[in-house]
């Protein structure tokens, strides 16, 4: 701010004071007051604002008249970096580790989130928040998104210690569903139902998934009300290239699957049957999801493939026989043809 601004402002104030004081001075003179009062009044009127301006320039902060400078905002990466630095200095800060883990999970940095939850478990092995968080982060970090091993053990501990842990019950049911234990999954999700807000989307999703699990447990199709009849249905016809018939081993398993064109590699729908049934025709639907939150209806396009696994494992291994139909619309009408004609390296 330039000096001229302060001088002009002070002069304007002085003139304003003089105009206000002049009638009072004239009145005082008519009352016989000394003429010196007039001179003193003018001096005060001019000198006081000029002096105030000078003092402000000398000891004040005139830069603030330009407005308060905008403070630089800290983005999420900077905040996470500072939190990590803090935890290096104070590695026993349990709440800090939980905050870091939850933040990294929200940023889809699943492996880092799992590690942070692990640090929280080091400090408090009985923290249900850390146990459920570790299990979920581990599932998201895996290519097949399965919940097993330590993740499953932690979920069981968490819901035992905290029977009202909604996230823990949901994930435990998913694990049981993934392992084809539909009866257990149904029982777990029924424990979850009373804890949810009736009529909410979450409650509706749990109800639908219970219907699917019950149908699978009983070998019957899910009721029409719960099976979402408007959901996508992809009919896939799979055959084996004659040149690979000699590589088809007894007991091999055929997986027919659809996964999102972009996103996690976890199948949105998968069918498992004996490879000896080739050629085969299967219909992929939402009811065949490995995890309730990842379904065909959650995306627009999917990659459709088929694989013969000699070991029966869901994860591709060297020597497996493969084929695919590429990317198709999730509402594709008509059969999708796949020829298994490649060997997984």
C-alpha atoms as a PDB file:
ATOM      1  CA  UNK A   1       0.000   0.000   0.000  1.00  0.00           C
ATOM      2  CA  UNK A   2       1.511   3.317  -1.060  1.00  0.00           C
ATOM      3  CA  UNK A   3       2.285   6.175   1.345  1.00  0.00           C
ATOM      4  CA  UNK A   4       0.085   8.498  -0.708  1.00  0.00           C
ATOM      5  CA  UNK A   5      -2.954   6.502   0.331  1.00  0.00           C
ATOM      6  CA  UNK A   6      -2.331   7.153   4.000  1.00  0.00           C
ATOM      7  CA  UNK A   7      -1.638  10.858   3.465  1.00  0.00           C
ATOM      8  CA  UNK A   8      -4.800  11.340   1.410  1.00  0.00           C
ATOM      9  CA  UNK A   9      -6.873   9.402   3.927  1.00  0.00           C
ATOM     10  CA  UNK A  10      -5.483  11.425   6.829  1.00  0.00           C
ATOM     11  CA  UNK A  11      -6.096  14.706   4.996  1.00  0.00           C
ATOM     12  CA  UNK A  12      -9.681  13.751   4.261  1.00  0.00           C
ATOM     13  CA  UNK A  13     -10.256  12.909   7.908  1.00  0.00           C
ATOM     14  CA  UNK A  14      -8.698  16.216   8.939  1.00  0.00           C
ATOM     15  CA  UNK A  15     -10.913  18.193   6.560  1.00  0.00           C
ATOM     16  CA  UNK A  16     -13.978  16.364   7.803  1.00  0.00           C
ATOM     17  CA  UNK A  17     -13.063  17.158  11.403  1.00  0.00           C
ATOM     18  CA  UNK A  18     -12.457  20.812  10.541  1.00  0.00           C
ATOM     19  CA  UNK A  19     -15.862  21.119   8.914  1.00  0.00           C
ATOM     20  CA  UNK A  20     -17.469  19.581  11.947  1.00  0.00           C
ATOM     21  CA  UNK A  21     -15.538  21.701  14.429  1.00  0.00           C
ATOM     22  CA  UNK A  22     -15.804  25.059  12.631  1.00  0.00           C
ATOM     23  CA  UNK A  23     -19.384  25.818  13.851  1.00  0.00           C
ATOM     24  CA  UNK A  24     -18.345  24.964  17.386  1.00  0.00           C
ATOM     25  CA  UNK A  25     -15.349  27.291  17.177  1.00  0.00           C
ATOM     26  CA  UNK A  26     -17.503  30.189  15.879  1.00  0.00           C
ATOM     27  CA  UNK A  27     -19.992  29.606  18.638  1.00  0.00           C
ATOM     28  CA  UNK A  28     -17.187  29.625  21.200  1.00  0.00           C
ATOM     29  CA  UNK A  29     -15.808  32.910  19.925  1.00  0.00           C
ATOM     30  CA  UNK A  30     -19.232  34.520  20.190  1.00  0.00           C
ATOM     31  CA  UNK A  31     -19.284  33.369  23.776  1.00  0.00           C
ATOM     32  CA  UNK A  32     -15.995  35.172  24.402  1.00  0.00           C
ATOM     33  CA  UNK A  33     -13.658  32.172  24.295  1.00  0.00           C
ATOM     34  CA  UNK A  34      -9.972  32.925  23.493  1.00  0.00           C
ATOM     35  CA  UNK A  35      -8.982  32.888  19.821  1.00  0.00           C
ATOM     36  CA  UNK A  36      -6.178  30.411  20.654  1.00  0.00           C
ATOM     37  CA  UNK A  37      -8.728  27.668  21.060  1.00  0.00           C
ATOM     38  CA  UNK A  38      -9.512  28.043  17.333  1.00  0.00           C
ATOM     39  CA  UNK A  39      -5.876  27.468  16.388  1.00  0.00           C
ATOM     40  CA  UNK A  40      -5.530  24.546  18.794  1.00  0.00           C
ATOM     41  CA  UNK A  41      -8.648  22.919  17.381  1.00  0.00           C
ATOM     42  CA  UNK A  42      -7.360  23.138  13.817  1.00  0.00           C
ATOM     43  CA  UNK A  43      -3.998  21.697  14.864  1.00  0.00           C
ATOM     44  CA  UNK A  44      -5.683  18.763  16.549  1.00  0.00           C
ATOM     45  CA  UNK A  45      -7.997  18.233  13.572  1.00  0.00           C
ATOM     46  CA  UNK A  46      -5.084  18.025  11.105  1.00  0.00           C
ATOM     47  CA  UNK A  47      -2.246  16.598  13.177  1.00  0.00           C
ATOM     48  CA  UNK A  48      -4.077  13.788  15.004  1.00  0.00           C
ATOM     49  CA  UNK A  49      -5.098  11.758  11.910  1.00  0.00           C
ATOM     50  CA  UNK A  50      -1.739  12.404  10.235  1.00  0.00           C
ATOM     51  CA  UNK A  51       0.058  11.216  13.381  1.00  0.00           C
ATOM     52  CA  UNK A  52      -2.137   8.117  13.599  1.00  0.00           C
ATOM     53  CA  UNK A  53      -1.390   7.276   9.990  1.00  0.00           C
ATOM     54  CA  UNK A  54       2.325   7.709  10.559  1.00  0.00           C
ATOM     55  CA  UNK A  55       2.308   5.503  13.622  1.00  0.00           C
ATOM     56  CA  UNK A  56       0.400   2.819  11.750  1.00  0.00           C
ATOM     57  CA  UNK A  57       2.979   2.892   8.970  1.00  0.00           C
ATOM     58  CA  UNK A  58       5.744   2.647  11.540  1.00  0.00           C
ATOM     59  CA  UNK A  59       4.499  -0.099  13.860  1.00  0.00           C
ATOM     60  CA  UNK A  60       1.329  -1.449  12.236  1.00  0.00           C
ATOM     61  CA  UNK A  61       0.728  -4.052   9.533  1.00  0.00           C
ATOM     62  CA  UNK A  62      -0.463  -2.066   6.537  1.00  0.00           C
ATOM     63  CA  UNK A  63      -0.191  -5.112   4.321  1.00  0.00           C
ATOM     64  CA  UNK A  64      -3.397  -6.370   5.920  1.00  0.00           C
ATOM     65  CA  UNK A  65      -5.285  -3.593   4.167  1.00  0.00           C
ATOM     66  CA  UNK A  66      -4.688  -5.485   0.959  1.00  0.00           C
ATOM     67  CA  UNK A  67      -6.829  -8.289   2.414  1.00  0.00           C
ATOM     68  CA  UNK A  68      -5.763 -11.428   4.233  1.00  0.00           C
ATOM     69  CA  UNK A  69      -3.650 -13.554   1.949  1.00  0.00           C
ATOM     70  CA  UNK A  70      -5.281 -16.878   1.107  1.00  0.00           C
ATOM     71  CA  UNK A  71      -3.695 -19.629   3.114  1.00  0.00           C
ATOM     72  CA  UNK A  72      -2.353 -22.472   0.991  1.00  0.00           C
ATOM     73  CA  UNK A  73      -4.692 -25.457   1.234  1.00  0.00           C
ATOM     74  CA  UNK A  74      -3.227 -28.831   2.139  1.00  0.00           C
ATOM     75  CA  UNK A  75      -4.256 -31.624  -0.219  1.00  0.00           C
ATOM     76  CA  UNK A  76      -4.931 -35.169   0.920  1.00  0.00           C
ATOM     77  CA  UNK A  77      -1.503 -36.438  -0.122  1.00  0.00           C
ATOM     78  CA  UNK A  78       0.220 -33.787   1.985  1.00  0.00           C
ATOM     79  CA  UNK A  79      -2.005 -34.582   4.933  1.00  0.00           C
ATOM     80  CA  UNK A  80      -1.244 -38.296   4.654  1.00  0.00           C
ATOM     81  CA  UNK A  81       2.485 -37.569   4.340  1.00  0.00           C
ATOM     82  CA  UNK A  82       2.384 -35.446   7.505  1.00  0.00           C
ATOM     83  CA  UNK A  83       0.455 -38.159   9.334  1.00  0.00           C
ATOM     84  CA  UNK A  84       3.054 -40.737   8.315  1.00  0.00           C
ATOM     85  CA  UNK A  85       5.832 -38.445   9.553  1.00  0.00           C
ATOM     86  CA  UNK A  86       3.964 -38.054  12.828  1.00  0.00           C
ATOM     87  CA  UNK A  87       3.668 -41.827  13.199  1.00  0.00           C
ATOM     88  CA  UNK A  88       7.395 -42.231  12.577  1.00  0.00           C
ATOM     89  CA  UNK A  89       7.971 -39.973  15.564  1.00  0.00           C
ATOM     90  CA  UNK A  90       5.175 -41.537  17.646  1.00  0.00           C
ATOM     91  CA  UNK A  91       4.737 -45.139  16.459  1.00  0.00           C
ATOM     92  CA  UNK A  92       2.504 -45.988  19.431  1.00  0.00           C
ATOM     93  CA  UNK A  93      -0.293 -43.601  18.443  1.00  0.00           C
ATOM     94  CA  UNK A  94      -3.178 -46.048  17.973  1.00  0.00           C
ATOM     95  CA  UNK A  95      -5.691 -43.461  16.765  1.00  0.00           C
ATOM     96  CA  UNK A  96      -3.117 -42.135  14.311  1.00  0.00           C
ATOM     97  CA  UNK A  97      -2.656 -45.578  12.752  1.00  0.00           C
ATOM     98  CA  UNK A  98      -6.419 -46.096  12.518  1.00  0.00           C
ATOM     99  CA  UNK A  99      -6.846 -42.700  10.860  1.00  0.00           C
ATOM    100  CA  UNK A 100      -4.069 -43.469   8.392  1.00  0.00           C
ATOM    101  CA  UNK A 101      -5.536 -46.883   7.600  1.00  0.00           C
ATOM    102  CA  UNK A 102      -9.042 -45.518   7.022  1.00  0.00           C
ATOM    103  CA  UNK A 103      -7.698 -42.712   4.846  1.00  0.00           C
ATOM    104  CA  UNK A 104      -5.612 -45.057   2.704  1.00  0.00           C
ATOM    105  CA  UNK A 105      -8.561 -47.427   2.344  1.00  0.00           C
ATOM    106  CA  UNK A 106     -10.697 -44.527   1.113  1.00  0.00           C
ATOM    107  CA  UNK A 107      -7.920 -43.717  -1.388  1.00  0.00           C
ATOM    108  CA  UNK A 108      -7.967 -47.364  -2.583  1.00  0.00           C
ATOM    109  CA  UNK A 109      -4.412 -47.878  -1.373  1.00  0.00           C
ATOM    110  CA  UNK A 110      -5.424 -51.260  -0.027  1.00  0.00           C
ATOM    111  CA  UNK A 111      -2.006 -52.778   0.682  1.00  0.00           C
ATOM    112  CA  UNK A 112      -0.932 -49.662   2.609  1.00  0.00           C
ATOM    113  CA  UNK A 113      -4.229 -49.642   4.502  1.00  0.00           C
ATOM    114  CA  UNK A 114      -3.710 -53.275   5.481  1.00  0.00           C
ATOM    115  CA  UNK A 115      -0.244 -52.448   6.771  1.00  0.00           C
ATOM    116  CA  UNK A 116      -1.559 -49.514   8.822  1.00  0.00           C
ATOM    117  CA  UNK A 117      -4.318 -51.656  10.300  1.00  0.00           C
ATOM    118  CA  UNK A 118      -1.608 -54.181  11.146  1.00  0.00           C
ATOM    119  CA  UNK A 119       0.198 -51.505  13.148  1.00  0.00           C
ATOM    120  CA  UNK A 120      -3.046 -50.728  14.970  1.00  0.00           C
ATOM    121  CA  UNK A 121      -3.453 -54.425  15.791  1.00  0.00           C
ATOM    122  CA  UNK A 122       0.083 -54.463  17.129  1.00  0.00           C
ATOM    123  CA  UNK A 123      -0.939 -51.802  19.641  1.00  0.00           C
ATOM    124  CA  UNK A 124      -4.416 -53.205  20.362  1.00  0.00           C
ATOM    125  CA  UNK A 125      -4.938 -56.825  19.258  1.00  0.00           C
ATOM    126  CA  UNK A 126      -8.555 -56.655  20.452  1.00  0.00           C
ATOM    127  CA  UNK A 127      -9.614 -53.633  18.404  1.00  0.00           C
ATOM    128  CA  UNK A 128     -12.645 -54.748  16.391  1.00  0.00           C
ATOM    129  CA  UNK A 129     -12.226 -51.700  14.126  1.00  0.00           C
ATOM    130  CA  UNK A 130      -8.682 -52.747  13.257  1.00  0.00           C
ATOM    131  CA  UNK A 131      -9.626 -56.415  12.824  1.00  0.00           C
ATOM    132  CA  UNK A 132     -12.489 -55.699  10.434  1.00  0.00           C
ATOM    133  CA  UNK A 133     -10.448 -53.042   8.630  1.00  0.00           C
ATOM    134  CA  UNK A 134      -7.501 -55.404   8.144  1.00  0.00           C
ATOM    135  CA  UNK A 135      -9.764 -58.143   6.771  1.00  0.00           C
ATOM    136  CA  UNK A 136     -11.485 -55.803   4.322  1.00  0.00           C
ATOM    137  CA  UNK A 137      -8.210 -54.212   3.168  1.00  0.00           C
ATOM    138  CA  UNK A 138      -6.673 -57.657   2.684  1.00  0.00           C
ATOM    139  CA  UNK A 139      -9.645 -58.730   0.573  1.00  0.00           C
ATOM    140  CA  UNK A 140      -9.429 -55.619  -1.606  1.00  0.00           C
ATOM    141  CA  UNK A 141      -5.660 -56.019  -2.035  1.00  0.00           C
ATOM    142  CA  UNK A 142      -6.013 -59.602  -3.309  1.00  0.00           C
ATOM    143  CA  UNK A 143      -6.554 -60.246  -6.995  1.00  0.00           C
ATOM    144  CA  UNK A 144      -9.442 -62.639  -6.255  1.00  0.00           C
ATOM    145  CA  UNK A 145     -10.880 -60.524  -3.389  1.00  0.00           C
ATOM    146  CA  UNK A 146     -11.464 -63.614  -1.275  1.00  0.00           C
ATOM    147  CA  UNK A 147     -11.724 -63.421   2.507  1.00  0.00           C
ATOM    148  CA  UNK A 148      -9.842 -66.295   4.059  1.00  0.00           C
ATOM    149  CA  UNK A 149      -6.875 -67.152   6.281  1.00  0.00           C
ATOM    150  CA  UNK A 150      -5.995 -64.439   8.768  1.00  0.00           C
ATOM    151  CA  UNK A 151      -8.722 -62.149   7.409  1.00  0.00           C
ATOM    152  CA  UNK A 152     -11.416 -64.714   8.187  1.00  0.00           C
ATOM    153  CA  UNK A 153      -9.961 -65.403  11.635  1.00  0.00           C
ATOM    154  CA  UNK A 154      -9.980 -61.689  12.459  1.00  0.00           C
ATOM    155  CA  UNK A 155     -13.583 -61.306  11.326  1.00  0.00           C
ATOM    156  CA  UNK A 156     -14.675 -64.181  13.543  1.00  0.00           C
ATOM    157  CA  UNK A 157     -12.884 -62.595  16.504  1.00  0.00           C
ATOM    158  CA  UNK A 158     -14.385 -59.193  15.755  1.00  0.00           C
ATOM    159  CA  UNK A 159     -18.013 -60.326  15.612  1.00  0.00           C
ATOM    160  CA  UNK A 160     -17.518 -62.499  18.678  1.00  0.00           C
ATOM    161  CA  UNK A 161     -16.212 -59.530  20.661  1.00  0.00           C
ATOM    162  CA  UNK A 162     -18.735 -57.131  19.110  1.00  0.00           C
ATOM    163  CA  UNK A 163     -21.886 -58.977  17.953  1.00  0.00           C
ATOM    164  CA  UNK A 164     -23.366 -55.705  16.675  1.00  0.00           C
ATOM    165  CA  UNK A 165     -20.452 -54.957  14.339  1.00  0.00           C
ATOM    166  CA  UNK A 166     -22.363 -54.442  11.098  1.00  0.00           C
ATOM    167  CA  UNK A 167     -19.346 -54.321   8.800  1.00  0.00           C
ATOM    168  CA  UNK A 168     -17.882 -57.414  10.429  1.00  0.00           C
ATOM    169  CA  UNK A 169     -21.100 -59.405   9.995  1.00  0.00           C
ATOM    170  CA  UNK A 170     -21.444 -58.317   6.371  1.00  0.00           C
ATOM    171  CA  UNK A 171     -17.882 -59.323   5.486  1.00  0.00           C
ATOM    172  CA  UNK A 172     -18.091 -62.594   7.428  1.00  0.00           C
ATOM    173  CA  UNK A 173     -21.201 -63.485   5.437  1.00  0.00           C
ATOM    174  CA  UNK A 174     -19.369 -62.647   2.216  1.00  0.00           C
ATOM    175  CA  UNK A 175     -16.531 -64.980   3.177  1.00  0.00           C
ATOM    176  CA  UNK A 176     -18.970 -67.801   3.930  1.00  0.00           C
ATOM    177  CA  UNK A 177     -20.753 -67.107   0.632  1.00  0.00           C
ATOM    178  CA  UNK A 178     -17.451 -67.235  -1.244  1.00  0.00           C
ATOM    179  CA  UNK A 179     -16.678 -70.615   0.322  1.00  0.00           C
ATOM    180  CA  UNK A 180     -20.086 -71.981  -0.766  1.00  0.00           C
ATOM    181  CA  UNK A 181     -21.270 -72.208   2.850  1.00  0.00           C
ATOM    182  CA  UNK A 182     -24.618 -70.632   2.014  1.00  0.00           C
ATOM    183  CA  UNK A 183     -26.363 -71.817   5.152  1.00  0.00           C
ATOM    184  CA  UNK A 184     -23.794 -70.090   7.349  1.00  0.00           C
ATOM    185  CA  UNK A 185     -23.884 -66.957   5.189  1.00  0.00           C
ATOM    186  CA  UNK A 186     -27.669 -66.817   5.552  1.00  0.00           C
ATOM    187  CA  UNK A 187     -27.442 -67.160   9.323  1.00  0.00           C
ATOM    188  CA  UNK A 188     -24.786 -64.442   9.559  1.00  0.00           C
ATOM    189  CA  UNK A 189     -26.711 -61.966   7.425  1.00  0.00           C
ATOM    190  CA  UNK A 190     -29.888 -62.667   9.406  1.00  0.00           C
ATOM    191  CA  UNK A 191     -27.991 -61.547  12.490  1.00  0.00           C
ATOM    192  CA  UNK A 192     -27.161 -58.362  10.600  1.00  0.00           C
ATOM    193  CA  UNK A 193     -30.719 -57.574   9.475  1.00  0.00           C
ATOM    194  CA  UNK A 194     -32.105 -56.290  12.825  1.00  0.00           C
ATOM    195  CA  UNK A 195     -29.176 -53.879  13.128  1.00  0.00           C
ATOM    196  CA  UNK A 196     -30.000 -52.083   9.879  1.00  0.00           C
ATOM    197  CA  UNK A 197     -32.376 -49.235   9.203  1.00  0.00           C
ATOM    198  CA  UNK A 198     -35.526 -50.856   7.745  1.00  0.00           C
ATOM    199  CA  UNK A 199     -36.185 -49.718   4.211  1.00  0.00           C
ATOM    200  CA  UNK A 200     -32.607 -48.561   3.600  1.00  0.00           C
ATOM    201  CA  UNK A 201     -30.694 -49.626   0.498  1.00  0.00           C
ATOM    202  CA  UNK A 202     -28.318 -51.628   2.673  1.00  0.00           C
ATOM    203  CA  UNK A 203     -31.173 -53.522   4.312  1.00  0.00           C
ATOM    204  CA  UNK A 204     -32.667 -54.234   0.887  1.00  0.00           C
ATOM    205  CA  UNK A 205     -29.326 -55.525  -0.440  1.00  0.00           C
ATOM    206  CA  UNK A 206     -28.898 -57.817   2.583  1.00  0.00           C
ATOM    207  CA  UNK A 207     -32.427 -59.182   2.145  1.00  0.00           C
ATOM    208  CA  UNK A 208     -31.789 -59.921  -1.528  1.00  0.00           C
ATOM    209  CA  UNK A 209     -28.485 -61.604  -0.760  1.00  0.00           C
ATOM    210  CA  UNK A 210     -30.096 -63.777   1.906  1.00  0.00           C
ATOM    211  CA  UNK A 211     -32.609 -64.933  -0.707  1.00  0.00           C
ATOM    212  CA  UNK A 212     -29.795 -65.822  -3.089  1.00  0.00           C
ATOM    213  CA  UNK A 213     -27.865 -67.692  -0.391  1.00  0.00           C
ATOM    214  CA  UNK A 214     -30.973 -69.599   0.693  1.00  0.00           C
ATOM    215  CA  UNK A 215     -31.708 -70.534  -2.915  1.00  0.00           C
ATOM    216  CA  UNK A 216     -28.192 -71.837  -3.399  1.00  0.00           C
ATOM    217  CA  UNK A 217     -28.311 -73.749  -0.138  1.00  0.00           C
ATOM    218  CA  UNK A 218     -31.560 -75.428  -1.197  1.00  0.00           C
ATOM    219  CA  UNK A 219     -30.647 -75.821  -4.849  1.00  0.00           C
ATOM    220  CA  UNK A 220     -33.704 -73.799  -5.890  1.00  0.00           C
ATOM    221  CA  UNK A 221     -33.921 -70.543  -7.831  1.00  0.00           C
ATOM    222  CA  UNK A 222     -34.288 -67.423  -5.728  1.00  0.00           C
ATOM    223  CA  UNK A 223     -37.815 -66.027  -5.352  1.00  0.00           C
ATOM    224  CA  UNK A 224     -38.752 -63.633  -8.142  1.00  0.00           C
ATOM    225  CA  UNK A 225     -39.252 -60.766  -5.681  1.00  0.00           C
ATOM    226  CA  UNK A 226     -35.694 -61.018  -4.468  1.00  0.00           C
ATOM    227  CA  UNK A 227     -33.902 -62.184  -7.586  1.00  0.00           C
ATOM    228  CA  UNK A 228     -34.039 -58.799  -9.330  1.00  0.00           C
ATOM    229  CA  UNK A 229     -35.601 -60.087 -12.588  1.00  0.00           C
ATOM    230  CA  UNK A 230     -34.485 -56.950 -14.386  1.00  0.00           C
ATOM    231  CA  UNK A 231     -30.839 -57.839 -13.808  1.00  0.00           C
ATOM    232  CA  UNK A 232     -28.514 -58.738 -16.690  1.00  0.00           C
ATOM    233  CA  UNK A 233     -28.262 -62.297 -17.999  1.00  0.00           C
ATOM    234  CA  UNK A 234     -25.335 -63.291 -20.184  1.00  0.00           C
ATOM    235  CA  UNK A 235     -25.632 -66.634 -21.961  1.00  0.00           C
ATOM    236  CA  UNK A 236     -22.188 -68.043 -22.721  1.00  0.00           C
ATOM    237  CA  UNK A 237     -21.473 -71.033 -24.923  1.00  0.00           C
ATOM    238  CA  UNK A 238     -18.034 -72.542 -24.308  1.00  0.00           C
ATOM    239  CA  UNK A 239     -16.200 -75.142 -26.340  1.00  0.00           C
ATOM    240  CA  UNK A 240     -12.679 -76.533 -26.350  1.00  0.00           C
ATOM    241  CA  UNK A 241     -10.450 -76.228 -29.389  1.00  0.00           C
ATOM    242  CA  UNK A 242      -9.810 -79.770 -30.710  1.00  0.00           C
ATOM    243  CA  UNK A 243      -6.054 -79.154 -30.645  1.00  0.00           C
ATOM    244  CA  UNK A 244      -6.174 -78.889 -26.822  1.00  0.00           C
ATOM    245  CA  UNK A 245      -8.239 -81.959 -26.051  1.00  0.00           C
ATOM    246  CA  UNK A 246      -5.103 -83.902 -25.251  1.00  0.00           C
ATOM    247  CA  UNK A 247      -4.293 -81.402 -22.486  1.00  0.00           C
ATOM    248  CA  UNK A 248      -7.641 -81.826 -20.715  1.00  0.00           C
ATOM    249  CA  UNK A 249      -6.888 -83.647 -17.457  1.00  0.00           C
ATOM    250  CA  UNK A 250      -9.335 -85.765 -15.475  1.00  0.00           C
ATOM    251  CA  UNK A 251     -11.001 -83.822 -12.673  1.00  0.00           C
ATOM    252  CA  UNK A 252     -10.288 -80.421 -14.258  1.00  0.00           C
ATOM    253  CA  UNK A 253     -12.681 -77.601 -13.464  1.00  0.00           C
ATOM    254  CA  UNK A 254     -14.226 -75.136 -15.914  1.00  0.00           C
ATOM    255  CA  UNK A 255     -14.694 -71.522 -14.805  1.00  0.00           C
ATOM    256  CA  UNK A 256     -16.855 -69.221 -16.910  1.00  0.00           C
ATOM    257  CA  UNK A 257     -16.726 -65.645 -15.689  1.00  0.00           C
ATOM    258  CA  UNK A 258     -17.390 -61.990 -16.400  1.00  0.00           C
ATOM    259  CA  UNK A 259     -15.378 -59.161 -14.864  1.00  0.00           C
ATOM    260  CA  UNK A 260     -15.564 -55.398 -15.177  1.00  0.00           C
ATOM    261  CA  UNK A 261     -13.887 -53.888 -18.227  1.00  0.00           C
ATOM    262  CA  UNK A 262     -12.192 -51.416 -15.901  1.00  0.00           C
ATOM    263  CA  UNK A 263     -11.812 -52.017 -12.193  1.00  0.00           C
ATOM    264  CA  UNK A 264     -10.826 -54.860  -9.868  1.00  0.00           C
ATOM    265  CA  UNK A 265     -10.068 -58.255 -11.419  1.00  0.00           C
ATOM    266  CA  UNK A 266     -12.602 -59.958  -9.156  1.00  0.00           C
ATOM    267  CA  UNK A 267     -15.307 -61.647 -11.280  1.00  0.00           C
ATOM    268  CA  UNK A 268     -18.728 -60.019 -11.179  1.00  0.00           C
ATOM    269  CA  UNK A 269     -20.259 -63.408 -11.982  1.00  0.00           C
ATOM    270  CA  UNK A 270     -18.687 -66.844 -12.196  1.00  0.00           C
ATOM    271  CA  UNK A 271     -19.926 -70.352 -12.931  1.00  0.00           C
ATOM    272  CA  UNK A 272     -17.980 -73.444 -11.873  1.00  0.00           C
ATOM    273  CA  UNK A 273     -18.578 -76.851 -13.428  1.00  0.00           C
ATOM    274  CA  UNK A 274     -16.713 -79.958 -14.452  1.00  0.00           C
ATOM    275  CA  UNK A 275     -14.587 -79.487 -17.544  1.00  0.00           C
ATOM    276  CA  UNK A 276     -15.698 -82.907 -18.766  1.00  0.00           C
ATOM    277  CA  UNK A 277     -19.063 -81.283 -19.585  1.00  0.00           C
ATOM    278  CA  UNK A 278     -17.520 -79.277 -22.443  1.00  0.00           C
ATOM    279  CA  UNK A 279     -18.985 -78.007 -24.664  1.00  0.00           C
ATOM    280  CA  UNK A 280     -21.224 -76.250 -22.167  1.00  0.00           C
ATOM    281  CA  UNK A 281     -23.690 -73.378 -21.974  1.00  0.00           C
ATOM    282  CA  UNK A 282     -24.058 -71.258 -18.828  1.00  0.00           C
ATOM    283  CA  UNK A 283     -25.996 -68.110 -17.973  1.00  0.00           C
ATOM    284  CA  UNK A 284     -24.220 -65.538 -15.832  1.00  0.00           C
ATOM    285  CA  UNK A 285     -26.393 -63.402 -13.530  1.00  0.00           C
ATOM    286  CA  UNK A 286     -26.123 -61.184 -10.447  1.00  0.00           C
ATOM    287  CA  UNK A 287     -26.873 -64.224  -8.299  1.00  0.00           C
ATOM    288  CA  UNK A 288     -23.508 -65.683  -9.341  1.00  0.00           C
ATOM    289  CA  UNK A 289     -21.413 -62.857  -7.893  1.00  0.00           C
ATOM    290  CA  UNK A 290     -18.499 -63.811  -5.673  1.00  0.00           C
ATOM    291  CA  UNK A 291     -19.213 -60.810  -3.494  1.00  0.00           C
ATOM    292  CA  UNK A 292     -22.595 -59.069  -3.135  1.00  0.00           C
ATOM    293  CA  UNK A 293     -21.189 -55.600  -3.768  1.00  0.00           C
ATOM    294  CA  UNK A 294     -19.611 -56.621  -7.091  1.00  0.00           C
ATOM    295  CA  UNK A 295     -22.300 -57.704  -9.569  1.00  0.00           C
ATOM    296  CA  UNK A 296     -22.962 -57.627 -13.296  1.00  0.00           C
ATOM    297  CA  UNK A 297     -25.494 -54.857 -12.762  1.00  0.00           C
ATOM    298  CA  UNK A 298     -22.818 -52.647 -11.215  1.00  0.00           C
ATOM    299  CA  UNK A 299     -21.170 -51.897 -14.573  1.00  0.00           C
ATOM    300  CA  UNK A 300     -21.950 -51.354 -18.258  1.00  0.00           C
ATOM    301  CA  UNK A 301     -19.341 -53.515 -19.971  1.00  0.00           C
ATOM    302  CA  UNK A 302     -17.676 -56.767 -18.962  1.00  0.00           C
ATOM    303  CA  UNK A 303     -14.859 -58.993 -20.139  1.00  0.00           C
ATOM    304  CA  UNK A 304     -16.164 -62.533 -20.593  1.00  0.00           C
ATOM    305  CA  UNK A 305     -13.765 -65.436 -20.398  1.00  0.00           C
ATOM    306  CA  UNK A 306     -13.462 -69.141 -19.643  1.00  0.00           C
ATOM    307  CA  UNK A 307     -10.664 -71.178 -18.123  1.00  0.00           C
ATOM    308  CA  UNK A 308     -10.025 -74.862 -17.484  1.00  0.00           C
ATOM    309  CA  UNK A 309      -8.077 -75.350 -14.261  1.00  0.00           C
ATOM    310  CA  UNK A 310      -6.363 -78.665 -13.663  1.00  0.00           C
ATOM    311  CA  UNK A 311      -5.894 -77.789  -9.977  1.00  0.00           C
ATOM    312  CA  UNK A 312      -9.403 -76.437  -9.475  1.00  0.00           C
ATOM    313  CA  UNK A 313      -8.000 -73.148  -8.163  1.00  0.00           C
ATOM    314  CA  UNK A 314      -9.788 -69.892  -8.933  1.00  0.00           C
ATOM    315  CA  UNK A 315      -6.504 -68.068  -9.609  1.00  0.00           C
ATOM    316  CA  UNK A 316      -4.979 -68.764 -13.023  1.00  0.00           C
ATOM    317  CA  UNK A 317      -1.907 -70.978 -13.021  1.00  0.00           C
ATOM    318  CA  UNK A 318       0.596 -72.046 -15.641  1.00  0.00           C
ATOM    319  CA  UNK A 319      -0.828 -74.744 -17.897  1.00  0.00           C
ATOM    320  CA  UNK A 320      -4.475 -73.716 -17.515  1.00  0.00           C
ATOM    321  CA  UNK A 321      -6.474 -73.653 -20.739  1.00  0.00           C
ATOM    322  CA  UNK A 322      -8.103 -70.322 -21.612  1.00  0.00           C
ATOM    323  CA  UNK A 323     -10.315 -68.477 -24.045  1.00  0.00           C
ATOM    324  CA  UNK A 324     -12.389 -65.316 -24.072  1.00  0.00           C
ATOM    325  CA  UNK A 325     -14.989 -63.320 -25.964  1.00  0.00           C
ATOM    326  CA  UNK A 326     -13.449 -59.956 -25.196  1.00  0.00           C
ATOM    327  CA  UNK A 327     -15.518 -57.055 -23.879  1.00  0.00           C
ATOM    328  CA  UNK A 328     -19.283 -57.070 -24.326  1.00  0.00           C
ATOM    329  CA  UNK A 329     -22.182 -54.942 -23.107  1.00  0.00           C
ATOM    330  CA  UNK A 330     -23.630 -56.219 -19.866  1.00  0.00           C
ATOM    331  CA  UNK A 331     -27.092 -56.216 -21.447  1.00  0.00           C
ATOM    332  CA  UNK A 332     -25.862 -58.178 -24.487  1.00  0.00           C
ATOM    333  CA  UNK A 333     -28.668 -60.216 -26.050  1.00  0.00           C
ATOM    334  CA  UNK A 334     -28.053 -63.607 -27.570  1.00  0.00           C
ATOM    335  CA  UNK A 335     -25.369 -66.210 -26.862  1.00  0.00           C
ATOM    336  CA  UNK A 336     -21.730 -65.292 -26.400  1.00  0.00           C
ATOM    337  CA  UNK A 337     -19.350 -67.829 -27.949  1.00  0.00           C
ATOM    338  CA  UNK A 338     -16.003 -68.690 -26.399  1.00  0.00           C
ATOM    339  CA  UNK A 339     -13.443 -71.112 -27.796  1.00  0.00           C
ATOM    340  CA  UNK A 340     -10.796 -72.224 -25.293  1.00  0.00           C
ATOM    341  CA  UNK A 341      -7.745 -72.182 -27.516  1.00  0.00           C
ATOM    342  CA  UNK A 342      -4.811 -70.899 -25.409  1.00  0.00           C
ATOM    343  CA  UNK A 343      -2.549 -72.226 -22.666  1.00  0.00           C
ATOM    344  CA  UNK A 344      -1.832 -69.925 -19.733  1.00  0.00           C
ATOM    345  CA  UNK A 345       1.927 -69.200 -19.634  1.00  0.00           C
END
